[in-house]
């Protein structure tokens, strides 16, 4: 009887089964937030590219639609979204860059949809988490 109580066989498997869910959440969290930060950098770059196009003097002046086109084309091949999520939206107040030195503000917003983490955590802990988060970038430059 004493030999059965001191038997340590199988303890590693039980410990691994206890730690495995936390390890999986940690690894997928690293991947998920890495993609989120990458997309944040791409949205920031798209905002910068549109603002740079808008401030450069050109006759006729750059339109808001052309700046939005720059944002769309920049983000089209660079954003990582496995589910084919929504495209980013950009807002540029019209009437900017009327004179040299006027500020131009470009705001780009992208709704990042999480791939796995909210569903996994909701199932594991019995709660609910939002499935997406808004990623935005604002660039302000002076017109040339």
N, C-alpha and C. Protein backbone atom coordinates (compact mmCIF):
# COMPACT_ATOMS: atom_id res chain seq x y z
N UNK A 1 0.82 -1.19 0.00
CA UNK A 1 0.00 0.00 0.00
C UNK A 1 0.86 1.26 0.00
N UNK A 2 1.94 1.24 0.79
CA UNK A 2 2.82 2.39 0.88
C UNK A 2 3.49 2.66 -0.46
N UNK A 3 3.78 1.62 -1.22
CA UNK A 3 4.41 1.78 -2.54
C UNK A 3 3.47 2.49 -3.50
N UNK A 4 2.18 2.28 -3.40
CA UNK A 4 1.21 2.94 -4.27
C UNK A 4 1.11 4.43 -3.97
N UNK A 5 1.22 4.80 -2.69
CA UNK A 5 1.13 6.20 -2.32
C UNK A 5 2.37 7.00 -2.74
N UNK A 6 3.50 6.39 -2.80
CA UNK A 6 4.74 7.07 -3.18
C UNK A 6 5.01 6.98 -4.68
N UNK A 7 4.12 6.43 -5.44
CA UNK A 7 4.31 6.27 -6.88
C UNK A 7 4.18 7.64 -7.55
N UNK A 8 5.20 8.07 -8.27
CA UNK A 8 5.25 9.39 -8.91
C UNK A 8 4.98 9.31 -10.41
N UNK A 9 4.64 8.17 -10.92
CA UNK A 9 4.41 8.02 -12.35
C UNK A 9 3.16 8.80 -12.77
N UNK A 10 3.27 9.55 -13.84
CA UNK A 10 2.13 10.29 -14.37
C UNK A 10 2.00 11.71 -13.85
N UNK A 11 2.81 12.10 -12.88
CA UNK A 11 2.70 13.46 -12.34
C UNK A 11 3.10 14.51 -13.37
N UNK A 12 4.05 14.18 -14.21
CA UNK A 12 4.46 15.14 -15.25
C UNK A 12 3.33 15.40 -16.23
N UNK A 13 2.59 14.37 -16.57
CA UNK A 13 1.47 14.54 -17.50
C UNK A 13 0.37 15.40 -16.88
N UNK A 14 0.11 15.22 -15.60
CA UNK A 14 -0.91 16.02 -14.93
C UNK A 14 -0.47 17.47 -14.83
N UNK A 15 0.80 17.70 -14.48
CA UNK A 15 1.31 19.07 -14.40
C UNK A 15 1.27 19.74 -15.77
N UNK A 16 1.62 19.00 -16.80
CA UNK A 16 1.58 19.56 -18.16
C UNK A 16 0.15 19.90 -18.56
N UNK A 17 -0.80 19.07 -18.20
CA UNK A 17 -2.20 19.33 -18.53
C UNK A 17 -2.72 20.58 -17.81
N UNK A 18 -2.19 20.86 -16.63
CA UNK A 18 -2.60 22.05 -15.90
C UNK A 18 -1.98 23.31 -16.51
N UNK A 19 -0.72 23.23 -16.93
CA UNK A 19 0.01 24.39 -17.44
C UNK A 19 -0.27 24.67 -18.91
N UNK A 20 -0.66 23.66 -19.68
CA UNK A 20 -0.83 23.81 -21.12
C UNK A 20 -1.79 24.92 -21.53
N UNK A 21 -2.98 25.07 -20.94
CA UNK A 21 -3.86 26.16 -21.36
C UNK A 21 -3.24 27.54 -21.17
N UNK A 22 -2.53 27.74 -20.07
CA UNK A 22 -1.87 29.03 -19.85
C UNK A 22 -0.76 29.26 -20.87
N UNK A 23 -0.03 28.23 -21.19
CA UNK A 23 1.03 28.34 -22.19
C UNK A 23 0.46 28.67 -23.57
N UNK A 24 -0.64 28.05 -23.92
CA UNK A 24 -1.28 28.31 -25.22
C UNK A 24 -1.79 29.75 -25.29
N UNK A 25 -2.42 30.22 -24.22
CA UNK A 25 -2.90 31.61 -24.19
C UNK A 25 -1.73 32.57 -24.31
N UNK A 26 -0.65 32.28 -23.63
CA UNK A 26 0.53 33.15 -23.67
C UNK A 26 1.13 33.20 -25.07
N UNK A 27 1.30 32.07 -25.71
CA UNK A 27 1.90 32.03 -27.06
C UNK A 27 1.00 32.72 -28.08
N UNK A 28 -0.29 32.40 -28.06
CA UNK A 28 -1.19 33.04 -29.01
C UNK A 28 -1.37 34.52 -28.71
N UNK A 29 -1.25 34.91 -27.45
CA UNK A 29 -1.29 36.33 -27.10
C UNK A 29 -0.12 37.08 -27.68
N UNK A 30 1.06 36.48 -27.65
CA UNK A 30 2.24 37.10 -28.25
C UNK A 30 2.02 37.28 -29.74
N UNK A 31 1.52 36.27 -30.40
CA UNK A 31 1.27 36.36 -31.85
C UNK A 31 0.21 37.40 -32.16
N UNK A 32 -0.88 37.36 -31.41
CA UNK A 32 -2.00 38.27 -31.64
C UNK A 32 -1.59 39.74 -31.47
N UNK A 33 -0.93 40.04 -30.38
CA UNK A 33 -0.55 41.43 -30.13
C UNK A 33 0.61 41.87 -31.01
N UNK A 34 1.43 40.94 -31.46
CA UNK A 34 2.45 41.28 -32.45
C UNK A 34 1.81 41.74 -33.75
N UNK A 35 0.77 41.03 -34.19
CA UNK A 35 0.03 41.44 -35.40
C UNK A 35 -0.69 42.77 -35.18
N UNK A 36 -1.23 42.97 -33.99
CA UNK A 36 -1.90 44.23 -33.69
C UNK A 36 -0.93 45.41 -33.78
N UNK A 37 0.25 45.27 -33.19
CA UNK A 37 1.23 46.36 -33.23
C UNK A 37 1.78 46.57 -34.63
N UNK A 38 1.92 45.50 -35.41
CA UNK A 38 2.35 45.64 -36.79
C UNK A 38 1.31 46.44 -37.58
N UNK A 39 0.04 46.11 -37.42
CA UNK A 39 -1.02 46.84 -38.12
C UNK A 39 -1.08 48.30 -37.66
N UNK A 40 -0.81 48.56 -36.39
CA UNK A 40 -0.76 49.94 -35.90
C UNK A 40 0.34 50.71 -36.61
N UNK A 41 1.49 50.09 -36.80
CA UNK A 41 2.59 50.75 -37.51
C UNK A 41 2.22 51.01 -38.97
N UNK A 42 1.52 50.09 -39.61
CA UNK A 42 1.13 50.28 -41.01
C UNK A 42 0.08 51.39 -41.14
N UNK A 43 -0.85 51.48 -40.19
CA UNK A 43 -1.84 52.55 -40.22
C UNK A 43 -1.17 53.90 -40.01
N UNK A 44 -0.18 53.95 -39.11
CA UNK A 44 0.58 55.19 -38.89
C UNK A 44 1.33 55.59 -40.16
N UNK A 45 1.96 54.64 -40.82
CA UNK A 45 2.67 54.94 -42.06
C UNK A 45 1.73 55.41 -43.17
N UNK A 46 0.55 54.80 -43.25
CA UNK A 46 -0.42 55.23 -44.26
C UNK A 46 -0.88 56.65 -44.00
N UNK A 47 -1.09 56.99 -42.75
CA UNK A 47 -1.47 58.35 -42.40
C UNK A 47 -0.37 59.33 -42.77
N UNK A 48 0.87 58.96 -42.53
CA UNK A 48 2.01 59.81 -42.86
C UNK A 48 2.15 60.00 -44.37
N UNK A 49 1.96 58.92 -45.12
CA UNK A 49 2.06 59.01 -46.58
C UNK A 49 0.98 59.93 -47.16
N UNK A 50 -0.24 59.83 -46.64
CA UNK A 50 -1.32 60.69 -47.15
C UNK A 50 -1.07 62.14 -46.77
N UNK A 51 -0.58 62.39 -45.57
CA UNK A 51 -0.29 63.76 -45.15
C UNK A 51 0.85 64.34 -45.99
N UNK A 52 1.85 63.54 -46.26
CA UNK A 52 2.97 64.03 -47.06
C UNK A 52 2.50 64.38 -48.47
N UNK A 53 1.64 63.57 -49.03
CA UNK A 53 1.11 63.87 -50.36
C UNK A 53 0.29 65.16 -50.33
N UNK A 54 -0.47 65.35 -49.25
CA UNK A 54 -1.35 66.51 -49.16
C UNK A 54 -0.66 67.83 -48.94
N UNK A 55 0.53 67.82 -48.31
CA UNK A 55 1.18 69.09 -47.99
C UNK A 55 2.06 69.62 -49.12
N UNK A 56 2.45 68.75 -50.02
CA UNK A 56 3.33 69.17 -51.11
C UNK A 56 2.54 70.05 -52.08
N UNK A 57 3.15 71.17 -52.45
CA UNK A 57 2.46 72.09 -53.36
C UNK A 57 2.29 71.44 -54.71
N UNK A 58 1.08 71.55 -55.24
CA UNK A 58 0.77 71.01 -56.55
C UNK A 58 -0.38 71.82 -57.12
N UNK A 59 -0.34 72.04 -58.42
CA UNK A 59 -1.42 72.77 -59.08
C UNK A 59 -2.02 71.87 -60.15
N UNK A 60 -3.24 71.43 -60.03
CA UNK A 60 -4.24 71.71 -59.00
C UNK A 60 -3.90 70.99 -57.69
N UNK A 61 -4.46 71.49 -56.62
CA UNK A 61 -4.18 70.96 -55.28
C UNK A 61 -4.67 69.52 -55.15
N UNK A 62 -4.04 68.80 -54.26
CA UNK A 62 -4.42 67.42 -53.98
C UNK A 62 -5.79 67.40 -53.33
N UNK A 63 -6.65 66.51 -53.80
CA UNK A 63 -8.00 66.41 -53.24
C UNK A 63 -8.03 65.43 -52.08
N UNK A 64 -9.09 65.50 -51.31
CA UNK A 64 -9.28 64.58 -50.19
C UNK A 64 -9.40 63.15 -50.70
N UNK A 65 -10.08 62.96 -51.82
CA UNK A 65 -10.24 61.63 -52.39
C UNK A 65 -8.89 61.02 -52.78
N UNK A 66 -7.97 61.85 -53.29
CA UNK A 66 -6.64 61.34 -53.65
C UNK A 66 -5.86 60.92 -52.41
N UNK A 67 -6.00 61.68 -51.33
CA UNK A 67 -5.32 61.29 -50.09
C UNK A 67 -5.91 60.01 -49.52
N UNK A 68 -7.22 59.86 -49.60
CA UNK A 68 -7.85 58.63 -49.14
C UNK A 68 -7.42 57.45 -50.01
N UNK A 69 -7.22 57.70 -51.29
CA UNK A 69 -6.74 56.65 -52.19
C UNK A 69 -5.33 56.20 -51.80
N UNK A 70 -4.50 57.15 -51.37
CA UNK A 70 -3.14 56.80 -50.92
C UNK A 70 -3.22 55.89 -49.69
N UNK A 71 -4.09 56.21 -48.76
CA UNK A 71 -4.25 55.39 -47.56
C UNK A 71 -4.72 53.99 -47.96
N UNK A 72 -5.71 53.91 -48.82
CA UNK A 72 -6.25 52.61 -49.22
C UNK A 72 -5.20 51.77 -49.94
N UNK A 73 -4.46 52.38 -50.85
CA UNK A 73 -3.47 51.61 -51.60
C UNK A 73 -2.30 51.21 -50.71
N UNK A 74 -1.92 52.04 -49.75
CA UNK A 74 -0.83 51.70 -48.85
C UNK A 74 -1.22 50.53 -47.95
N UNK A 75 -2.44 50.57 -47.44
CA UNK A 75 -2.88 49.53 -46.50
C UNK A 75 -3.29 48.23 -47.19
N UNK A 76 -3.62 48.31 -48.46
CA UNK A 76 -4.15 47.13 -49.15
C UNK A 76 -3.19 45.95 -49.11
N UNK A 77 -1.92 46.19 -49.34
CA UNK A 77 -0.98 45.08 -49.37
C UNK A 77 -0.19 44.90 -48.11
N UNK A 78 -0.43 45.70 -47.10
CA UNK A 78 0.42 45.66 -45.91
C UNK A 78 -0.29 45.23 -44.62
N UNK A 79 -1.58 45.47 -44.50
CA UNK A 79 -2.28 45.09 -43.28
C UNK A 79 -2.46 43.58 -43.23
N UNK A 80 -2.29 43.02 -42.05
CA UNK A 80 -2.46 41.59 -41.85
C UNK A 80 -3.83 41.36 -41.23
N UNK A 81 -4.71 40.75 -41.99
CA UNK A 81 -6.03 40.37 -41.47
C UNK A 81 -6.43 39.09 -42.17
N UNK A 82 -6.45 38.01 -41.41
CA UNK A 82 -6.73 36.70 -42.00
C UNK A 82 -8.19 36.52 -42.33
N UNK A 83 -9.04 37.28 -41.68
CA UNK A 83 -10.47 37.15 -41.92
C UNK A 83 -11.00 38.08 -42.99
N UNK A 84 -10.12 38.84 -43.65
CA UNK A 84 -10.59 39.81 -44.65
C UNK A 84 -11.40 40.90 -44.00
N UNK A 85 -10.88 41.47 -42.94
CA UNK A 85 -11.58 42.48 -42.16
C UNK A 85 -11.86 43.74 -42.93
N UNK A 86 -12.48 44.71 -42.27
CA UNK A 86 -12.84 45.96 -42.94
C UNK A 86 -11.61 46.75 -43.34
N UNK A 87 -11.75 47.54 -44.38
CA UNK A 87 -10.63 48.38 -44.82
C UNK A 87 -10.56 49.62 -43.93
N UNK A 88 -9.39 50.24 -43.87
CA UNK A 88 -9.26 51.43 -43.02
C UNK A 88 -10.03 52.62 -43.59
N UNK A 89 -10.47 53.49 -42.71
CA UNK A 89 -11.14 54.71 -43.13
C UNK A 89 -10.26 55.89 -42.77
N UNK A 90 -10.21 56.85 -43.68
CA UNK A 90 -9.39 58.04 -43.42
C UNK A 90 -10.27 59.27 -43.49
N UNK A 91 -9.97 60.22 -42.63
CA UNK A 91 -10.69 61.49 -42.65
C UNK A 91 -9.68 62.61 -42.79
N UNK A 92 -9.94 63.48 -43.75
CA UNK A 92 -9.13 64.66 -43.98
C UNK A 92 -10.10 65.82 -44.10
N UNK A 93 -10.12 66.74 -43.15
CA UNK A 93 -11.03 67.88 -43.29
C UNK A 93 -10.73 68.65 -44.57
N UNK A 94 -11.75 68.91 -45.35
CA UNK A 94 -11.55 69.63 -46.61
C UNK A 94 -11.23 71.10 -46.34
N UNK A 95 -10.62 71.74 -47.31
CA UNK A 95 -10.30 73.15 -47.19
C UNK A 95 -8.97 73.41 -46.51
N UNK A 96 -8.22 72.36 -46.24
CA UNK A 96 -6.92 72.55 -45.62
C UNK A 96 -5.88 72.85 -46.69
N UNK A 97 -4.77 73.36 -46.29
CA UNK A 97 -3.66 73.74 -47.17
C UNK A 97 -4.06 74.84 -48.14
N UNK A 98 -4.88 75.75 -47.69
CA UNK A 98 -5.25 76.89 -48.53
C UNK A 98 -4.09 77.86 -48.64
N UNK A 99 -3.28 77.94 -47.59
CA UNK A 99 -2.13 78.84 -47.60
C UNK A 99 -0.90 78.10 -47.09
N UNK A 100 0.25 78.67 -47.43
CA UNK A 100 1.52 78.13 -46.95
C UNK A 100 1.56 78.20 -45.42
N UNK A 101 1.91 77.08 -44.79
CA UNK A 101 2.00 77.05 -43.33
C UNK A 101 0.76 76.55 -42.63
N UNK A 102 -0.35 76.39 -43.35
CA UNK A 102 -1.57 75.84 -42.74
C UNK A 102 -1.32 74.39 -42.32
N UNK A 103 -1.92 73.97 -41.21
CA UNK A 103 -1.75 72.56 -40.81
C UNK A 103 -2.70 71.65 -41.59
N UNK A 104 -2.21 70.47 -41.90
CA UNK A 104 -3.03 69.43 -42.53
C UNK A 104 -3.06 68.26 -41.56
N UNK A 105 -4.25 67.80 -41.22
CA UNK A 105 -4.40 66.69 -40.28
C UNK A 105 -5.06 65.53 -41.02
N UNK A 106 -4.40 64.38 -40.97
CA UNK A 106 -4.94 63.16 -41.57
C UNK A 106 -5.16 62.16 -40.44
N UNK A 107 -6.37 61.65 -40.34
CA UNK A 107 -6.73 60.67 -39.32
C UNK A 107 -7.14 59.38 -40.02
N UNK A 108 -6.46 58.29 -39.67
CA UNK A 108 -6.76 56.99 -40.26
C UNK A 108 -7.19 56.05 -39.13
N UNK A 109 -8.31 55.37 -39.32
CA UNK A 109 -8.83 54.43 -38.33
C UNK A 109 -9.03 53.08 -38.99
N UNK A 110 -8.62 52.04 -38.28
CA UNK A 110 -8.75 50.67 -38.77
C UNK A 110 -9.30 49.81 -37.65
N UNK A 111 -10.28 48.99 -37.95
CA UNK A 111 -10.86 48.11 -36.94
C UNK A 111 -10.17 46.76 -37.04
N UNK A 112 -9.28 46.49 -36.09
CA UNK A 112 -8.54 45.23 -36.05
C UNK A 112 -9.40 44.18 -35.40
N UNK A 113 -9.59 43.08 -36.09
CA UNK A 113 -10.38 41.97 -35.56
C UNK A 113 -9.44 40.91 -35.05
N UNK A 114 -9.58 40.58 -33.77
CA UNK A 114 -8.73 39.55 -33.18
C UNK A 114 -8.99 38.21 -33.85
N UNK A 115 -7.94 37.41 -33.94
CA UNK A 115 -8.06 36.13 -34.63
C UNK A 115 -8.59 35.03 -33.72
N UNK A 116 -8.01 34.89 -32.53
CA UNK A 116 -8.32 33.75 -31.71
C UNK A 116 -8.53 34.07 -30.24
N UNK A 117 -7.82 35.02 -29.72
CA UNK A 117 -7.75 35.24 -28.27
C UNK A 117 -9.12 35.51 -27.62
N UNK A 118 -9.96 36.43 -28.13
CA UNK A 118 -11.23 36.67 -27.42
C UNK A 118 -12.11 35.43 -27.35
N UNK A 119 -12.19 34.67 -28.44
CA UNK A 119 -13.03 33.47 -28.43
C UNK A 119 -12.48 32.42 -27.47
N UNK A 120 -11.17 32.27 -27.46
CA UNK A 120 -10.56 31.29 -26.57
C UNK A 120 -10.74 31.67 -25.11
N UNK A 121 -10.49 32.93 -24.79
CA UNK A 121 -10.63 33.36 -23.39
C UNK A 121 -12.08 33.34 -22.94
N UNK A 122 -12.99 33.70 -23.83
CA UNK A 122 -14.41 33.66 -23.47
C UNK A 122 -14.85 32.22 -23.19
N UNK A 123 -14.37 31.29 -23.99
CA UNK A 123 -14.72 29.89 -23.77
C UNK A 123 -14.04 29.34 -22.51
N UNK A 124 -12.82 29.76 -22.26
CA UNK A 124 -12.06 29.23 -21.13
C UNK A 124 -12.55 29.79 -19.80
N UNK A 125 -12.81 31.11 -19.74
CA UNK A 125 -13.21 31.74 -18.49
C UNK A 125 -14.71 31.98 -18.38
N UNK A 126 -15.46 31.71 -19.43
CA UNK A 126 -16.91 31.87 -19.38
C UNK A 126 -17.38 33.30 -19.48
N UNK A 127 -16.54 34.22 -19.89
CA UNK A 127 -16.92 35.63 -20.03
C UNK A 127 -17.01 36.02 -21.49
N UNK A 128 -17.05 37.30 -21.72
CA UNK A 128 -17.07 37.77 -23.11
C UNK A 128 -16.05 38.89 -23.25
N UNK A 129 -15.46 38.96 -24.42
CA UNK A 129 -14.50 40.00 -24.73
C UNK A 129 -14.87 40.58 -26.08
N UNK A 130 -14.53 41.83 -26.33
CA UNK A 130 -14.80 42.39 -27.65
C UNK A 130 -13.94 41.69 -28.69
N UNK A 131 -14.50 41.46 -29.86
CA UNK A 131 -13.79 40.76 -30.92
C UNK A 131 -12.95 41.67 -31.78
N UNK A 132 -13.02 42.97 -31.56
CA UNK A 132 -12.23 43.90 -32.37
C UNK A 132 -11.84 45.12 -31.53
N UNK A 133 -10.87 45.84 -32.06
CA UNK A 133 -10.39 47.05 -31.41
C UNK A 133 -10.06 48.06 -32.50
N UNK A 134 -10.32 49.34 -32.22
CA UNK A 134 -10.01 50.38 -33.19
C UNK A 134 -8.55 50.80 -33.05
N UNK A 135 -7.85 50.78 -34.17
CA UNK A 135 -6.47 51.23 -34.24
C UNK A 135 -6.49 52.51 -35.07
N UNK A 136 -5.94 53.58 -34.52
CA UNK A 136 -5.99 54.84 -35.25
C UNK A 136 -4.64 55.55 -35.19
N UNK A 137 -4.44 56.42 -36.17
CA UNK A 137 -3.23 57.22 -36.24
C UNK A 137 -3.60 58.61 -36.75
N UNK A 138 -2.99 59.62 -36.17
CA UNK A 138 -3.23 61.00 -36.58
C UNK A 138 -1.88 61.61 -36.96
N UNK A 139 -1.81 62.20 -38.14
CA UNK A 139 -0.61 62.88 -38.58
C UNK A 139 -0.95 64.32 -38.87
N UNK A 140 -0.12 65.22 -38.34
CA UNK A 140 -0.33 66.65 -38.56
C UNK A 140 0.96 67.23 -39.14
N UNK A 141 0.84 67.84 -40.35
CA UNK A 141 1.99 68.45 -41.00
C UNK A 141 1.61 69.83 -41.51
N UNK A 142 2.62 70.69 -41.67
CA UNK A 142 2.37 72.02 -42.22
C UNK A 142 2.51 72.00 -43.73
N UNK A 143 1.62 72.74 -44.39
CA UNK A 143 1.61 72.77 -45.85
C UNK A 143 2.82 73.56 -46.36
N UNK A 144 3.36 73.11 -47.46
CA UNK A 144 4.52 73.77 -48.08
C UNK A 144 4.07 74.85 -49.03
